[in-house]
Amino acid sequence: MQLRGCGTALVTPFRQDSSIDDAALRNLVAWQVESGIDFLVPCGTTGETPTLTHDEWLYVIDTTIEIAAGRVPVVAAPPQIQLTMQSRRRKRLRRGPE
């Protein structure tokens, strides 16, 4: 798949009880597609992905694919932070400025 144009890293909408707001997610995806976005990135770099359970992560991606319905590509972001990279960053911060 070759991506071109502008893509959106989608936020994951939540309810007050911290569950995923299904209606808001579906509306967000539909609005993005109808507004002319070129591709979608569910669970992207908006910050909430590490807090999602595996099932919630799959649900967000599956719902995005369902609503996008082949009209735009969907690029699923990885479900977890790269622990190796995080470990390197922590070590670097402990060393102080270079």
C-alpha atoms as a PDB file:
ATOM      1  CA  MET A   1       0.000   0.000   0.000  1.00  0.00           C
ATOM      2  CA  GLN A   2       1.349   3.388  -0.962  1.00  0.00           C
ATOM      3  CA  LEU A   3      -0.077   6.254   1.054  1.00  0.00           C
ATOM      4  CA  ARG A   4      -0.439   9.702  -0.424  1.00  0.00           C
ATOM      5  CA  GLY A   5      -1.997  12.890   0.829  1.00  0.00           C
ATOM      6  CA  CYS A   6      -3.121  13.720   4.312  1.00  0.00           C
ATOM      7  CA  GLY A   7      -3.942  11.197   7.027  1.00  0.00           C
ATOM      8  CA  THR A   8      -5.447  11.632  10.465  1.00  0.00           C
ATOM      9  CA  ALA A   9      -4.210   9.987  13.647  1.00  0.00           C
ATOM     10  CA  LEU A  10      -7.639   9.523  15.192  1.00  0.00           C
ATOM     11  CA  VAL A  11      -8.323  10.232  18.828  1.00  0.00           C
ATOM     12  CA  THR A  12     -10.170   7.518  20.689  1.00  0.00           C
ATOM     13  CA  PRO A  13     -13.293   9.069  22.215  1.00  0.00           C
ATOM     14  CA  PHE A  14     -14.206   7.953  25.732  1.00  0.00           C
ATOM     15  CA  ARG A  15     -17.276   8.218  27.954  1.00  0.00           C
ATOM     16  CA  GLN A  16     -17.143   9.496  31.530  1.00  0.00           C
ATOM     17  CA  ASP A  17     -16.785   5.880  32.765  1.00  0.00           C
ATOM     18  CA  SER A  18     -13.612   5.461  30.608  1.00  0.00           C
ATOM     19  CA  SER A  19     -15.270   3.109  28.126  1.00  0.00           C
ATOM     20  CA  ILE A  20     -14.937   3.797  24.416  1.00  0.00           C
ATOM     21  CA  ASP A  21     -17.700   6.020  23.082  1.00  0.00           C
ATOM     22  CA  ASP A  22     -18.838   3.900  20.138  1.00  0.00           C
ATOM     23  CA  ALA A  23     -21.185   6.483  18.621  1.00  0.00           C
ATOM     24  CA  ALA A  24     -18.555   9.234  18.811  1.00  0.00           C
ATOM     25  CA  LEU A  25     -15.918   6.956  17.244  1.00  0.00           C
ATOM     26  CA  ARG A  26     -18.225   6.000  14.387  1.00  0.00           C
ATOM     27  CA  ASN A  27     -19.182   9.640  13.804  1.00  0.00           C
ATOM     28  CA  LEU A  28     -15.546  10.742  13.868  1.00  0.00           C
ATOM     29  CA  VAL A  29     -14.487   8.159  11.294  1.00  0.00           C
ATOM     30  CA  ALA A  30     -17.448   8.926   9.022  1.00  0.00           C
ATOM     31  CA  TRP A  31     -16.813  12.679   9.284  1.00  0.00           C
ATOM     32  CA  GLN A  32     -13.121  12.271   8.443  1.00  0.00           C
ATOM     33  CA  VAL A  33     -13.898  10.182   5.359  1.00  0.00           C
ATOM     34  CA  GLU A  34     -16.736  12.443   4.208  1.00  0.00           C
ATOM     35  CA  SER A  35     -14.483  15.487   4.671  1.00  0.00           C
ATOM     36  CA  GLY A  36     -11.963  14.091   2.207  1.00  0.00           C
ATOM     37  CA  ILE A  37      -9.134  12.707   4.335  1.00  0.00           C
ATOM     38  CA  ASP A  38      -6.806  10.411   2.366  1.00  0.00           C
ATOM     39  CA  PHE A  39      -6.158   7.771   5.040  1.00  0.00           C
ATOM     40  CA  LEU A  40      -6.875   7.056   8.705  1.00  0.00           C
ATOM     41  CA  VAL A  41      -4.581   5.985  11.548  1.00  0.00           C
ATOM     42  CA  PRO A  42      -6.646   4.616  14.444  1.00  0.00           C
ATOM     43  CA  CYS A  43      -4.747   4.310  17.736  1.00  0.00           C
ATOM     44  CA  GLY A  44      -2.068   6.609  16.329  1.00  0.00           C
ATOM     45  CA  THR A  45       0.066   9.129  18.155  1.00  0.00           C
ATOM     46  CA  THR A  46      -2.678  10.924  20.060  1.00  0.00           C
ATOM     47  CA  GLY A  47      -1.531   9.546  23.405  1.00  0.00           C
ATOM     48  CA  GLU A  48      -4.270   7.225  24.628  1.00  0.00           C
ATOM     49  CA  THR A  49      -3.140   4.010  22.919  1.00  0.00           C
ATOM     50  CA  PRO A  50      -1.017   2.727  25.845  1.00  0.00           C
ATOM     51  CA  THR A  51      -4.100   2.923  28.071  1.00  0.00           C
ATOM     52  CA  LEU A  52      -6.243   0.711  25.820  1.00  0.00           C
ATOM     53  CA  THR A  53      -6.633  -2.983  26.505  1.00  0.00           C
ATOM     54  CA  HIS A  54      -5.842  -5.321  23.630  1.00  0.00           C
ATOM     55  CA  ASP A  55      -9.574  -5.848  23.022  1.00  0.00           C
ATOM     56  CA  GLU A  56     -10.233  -2.100  23.014  1.00  0.00           C
ATOM     57  CA  TRP A  57      -7.359  -1.574  20.577  1.00  0.00           C
ATOM     58  CA  LEU A  58      -8.803  -4.199  18.233  1.00  0.00           C
ATOM     59  CA  TYR A  59     -12.277  -2.722  18.609  1.00  0.00           C
ATOM     60  CA  VAL A  60     -11.123   0.772  17.595  1.00  0.00           C
ATOM     61  CA  ILE A  61      -9.301  -0.575  14.551  1.00  0.00           C
ATOM     62  CA  ASP A  62     -12.130  -2.933  13.523  1.00  0.00           C
ATOM     63  CA  THR A  63     -14.703  -0.157  13.901  1.00  0.00           C
ATOM     64  CA  THR A  64     -12.575   2.233  11.854  1.00  0.00           C
ATOM     65  CA  ILE A  65     -12.234  -0.364   9.087  1.00  0.00           C
ATOM     66  CA  GLU A  66     -15.976  -1.035   9.189  1.00  0.00           C
ATOM     67  CA  ILE A  67     -16.989   2.626   8.920  1.00  0.00           C
ATOM     68  CA  ALA A  68     -14.288   3.525   6.378  1.00  0.00           C
ATOM     69  CA  ALA A  69     -15.710   0.672   4.275  1.00  0.00           C
ATOM     70  CA  GLY A  70     -12.822   0.660   1.819  1.00  0.00           C
ATOM     71  CA  ARG A  71     -13.233   4.339   0.950  1.00  0.00           C
ATOM     72  CA  VAL A  72      -9.818   5.223   2.401  1.00  0.00           C
ATOM     73  CA  PRO A  73      -6.878   3.129   3.627  1.00  0.00           C
ATOM     74  CA  VAL A  74      -6.714   2.384   7.357  1.00  0.00           C
ATOM     75  CA  VAL A  75      -3.253   2.096   8.903  1.00  0.00           C
ATOM     76  CA  ALA A  76      -3.392   0.418  12.303  1.00  0.00           C
ATOM     77  CA  ALA A  77      -0.845   1.800  14.748  1.00  0.00           C
ATOM     78  CA  PRO A  78       1.002  -0.692  16.963  1.00  0.00           C
ATOM     79  CA  PRO A  79      -0.700  -1.518  20.268  1.00  0.00           C
ATOM     80  CA  GLN A  80       2.196  -0.750  22.567  1.00  0.00           C
ATOM     81  CA  ILE A  81       5.056   1.597  23.086  1.00  0.00           C
ATOM     82  CA  GLN A  82       8.415   0.236  21.997  1.00  0.00           C
ATOM     83  CA  LEU A  83       9.901  -0.745  25.328  1.00  0.00           C
ATOM     84  CA  THR A  84      13.423  -0.904  23.928  1.00  0.00           C
ATOM     85  CA  MET A  85      13.206   2.694  22.734  1.00  0.00           C
ATOM     86  CA  GLN A  86      11.697   3.820  26.035  1.00  0.00           C
ATOM     87  CA  SER A  87      14.514   2.133  27.940  1.00  0.00           C
ATOM     88  CA  ARG A  88      17.117   3.906  25.785  1.00  0.00           C
ATOM     89  CA  ARG A  89      15.417   7.252  26.352  1.00  0.00           C
ATOM     90  CA  ARG A  90      15.354   6.760  30.136  1.00  0.00           C
ATOM     91  CA  LYS A  91      19.054   5.852  30.170  1.00  0.00           C
ATOM     92  CA  ARG A  92      19.872   8.890  28.043  1.00  0.00           C
ATOM     93  CA  LEU A  93      17.933  11.191  30.371  1.00  0.00           C
ATOM     94  CA  ARG A  94      19.724   9.772  33.411  1.00  0.00           C
ATOM     95  CA  ARG A  95      23.106  10.603  31.828  1.00  0.00           C
ATOM     96  CA  GLY A  96      22.187  14.248  31.484  1.00  0.00           C
ATOM     97  CA  PRO A  97      23.136  16.642  28.684  1.00  0.00           C
ATOM     98  CA  GLU A  98      25.839  15.555  26.265  1.00  0.00           C
END
